[in-house]
Amino acid sequence: MTGNYRVIHVDDFGACPNSGEDAIPSIHSALEAASGLDELVILKFSRGQYDLYPDKAIKQRYYISNTVSETEAPDVRLNNIAI
């Protein structure tokens, strides 16, 4: 990538790969920091496995359908989104 950008390391916000700890709060904090910047941002993860548990995941109503609209199916259930 060329140009002016900032690299934000999720590890700096407490994420610890291969630890078994929930990385969602740290990733949320890194994304929040990135959203306040007026420049391009690369969110960088150190090599390893990051665990994302559903209890702290963002909850969002959504559906996937190519045949009905949201007004035709108002009982769309609440789902977890990983980040």
Protein backbone atom coordinates (compact mmCIF):
# COMPACT_ATOMS: atom_id res chain seq x y z
CA MET A 1 0.00 0.00 0.00
CA THR A 2 1.32 3.40 -0.89
CA GLY A 3 0.42 6.80 0.47
CA ASN A 4 -0.05 8.22 3.93
CA TYR A 5 -1.55 5.80 6.38
CA ARG A 6 -1.28 4.77 9.98
CA VAL A 7 -0.78 1.23 11.25
CA ILE A 8 -2.74 0.31 14.36
CA HIS A 9 -1.67 -2.89 16.12
CA VAL A 10 -4.53 -4.68 17.87
CA ASP A 11 -1.97 -6.10 20.32
CA ASP A 12 -1.46 -2.54 21.60
CA PHE A 13 -5.10 -2.63 22.71
CA GLY A 14 -4.72 -5.86 24.66
CA ALA A 15 -5.35 -8.56 22.05
CA CYS A 16 -3.13 -11.57 22.64
CA PRO A 17 -2.90 -14.22 19.93
CA ASN A 18 -2.87 -17.92 20.88
CA SER A 19 -4.01 -17.08 24.42
CA GLY A 20 -7.59 -18.37 24.31
CA GLU A 21 -8.73 -14.94 25.56
CA ASP A 22 -11.60 -13.13 23.88
CA ALA A 23 -10.07 -10.62 21.45
CA ILE A 24 -13.33 -8.83 20.65
CA PRO A 25 -12.98 -6.02 23.26
CA SER A 26 -9.43 -5.27 22.07
CA ILE A 27 -10.45 -5.29 18.41
CA HIS A 28 -13.39 -3.00 19.18
CA SER A 29 -11.03 -0.58 20.93
CA ALA A 30 -8.62 -0.62 17.98
CA LEU A 31 -11.47 -0.02 15.53
CA GLU A 32 -12.76 2.83 17.69
CA ALA A 33 -9.30 4.44 17.66
CA ALA A 34 -9.07 4.00 13.88
CA SER A 35 -12.49 5.54 13.30
CA GLY A 36 -11.37 8.80 14.90
CA LEU A 37 -8.50 9.34 12.47
CA ASP A 38 -8.60 11.39 9.28
CA GLU A 39 -6.23 9.12 7.40
CA LEU A 40 -6.08 5.64 5.97
CA VAL A 41 -5.58 2.96 8.61
CA ILE A 42 -4.19 -0.55 8.48
CA LEU A 43 -5.39 -2.69 11.37
CA LYS A 44 -2.54 -5.12 11.99
CA PHE A 45 -2.77 -8.45 13.78
CA SER A 46 0.31 -10.31 14.96
CA ARG A 47 0.63 -13.84 13.64
CA GLY A 48 -1.51 -16.34 15.51
CA GLN A 49 -5.05 -17.29 16.39
CA TYR A 50 -7.43 -14.70 17.81
CA ASP A 51 -10.47 -16.07 19.61
CA LEU A 52 -13.79 -14.23 19.22
CA TYR A 53 -16.52 -15.26 21.65
CA PRO A 54 -20.21 -14.51 21.04
CA ASP A 55 -21.00 -13.02 24.47
CA LYS A 56 -19.19 -9.75 23.62
CA ALA A 57 -19.92 -9.76 19.89
CA ILE A 58 -22.05 -7.04 18.32
CA LYS A 59 -25.69 -8.10 18.11
CA GLN A 60 -27.47 -7.11 14.92
CA ARG A 61 -30.76 -7.99 13.29
CA TYR A 62 -30.25 -9.24 9.77
CA TYR A 63 -31.57 -11.70 7.26
CA ILE A 64 -30.42 -13.14 4.00
CA SER A 65 -33.09 -13.66 1.40
CA ASN A 66 -33.64 -13.05 -2.24
CA THR A 67 -37.38 -13.64 -2.06
CA VAL A 68 -38.81 -11.55 0.81
CA SER A 69 -38.33 -8.07 2.18
CA GLU A 70 -37.93 -7.07 5.82
CA THR A 71 -41.53 -5.82 5.89
CA GLU A 72 -42.74 -9.20 4.65
CA ALA A 73 -40.65 -11.02 7.29
CA PRO A 74 -40.65 -8.80 10.42
CA ASP A 75 -39.65 -11.66 12.70
CA VAL A 76 -36.00 -11.45 11.69
CA ARG A 77 -33.99 -12.86 14.57
CA LEU A 78 -31.11 -11.25 16.48
CA ASN A 79 -27.71 -12.63 15.41
CA ASN A 80 -24.11 -12.23 16.51
CA ILE A 81 -21.62 -10.53 14.25
CA ALA A 82 -18.05 -11.60 14.99
CA ILE A 83 -16.63 -8.12 15.39
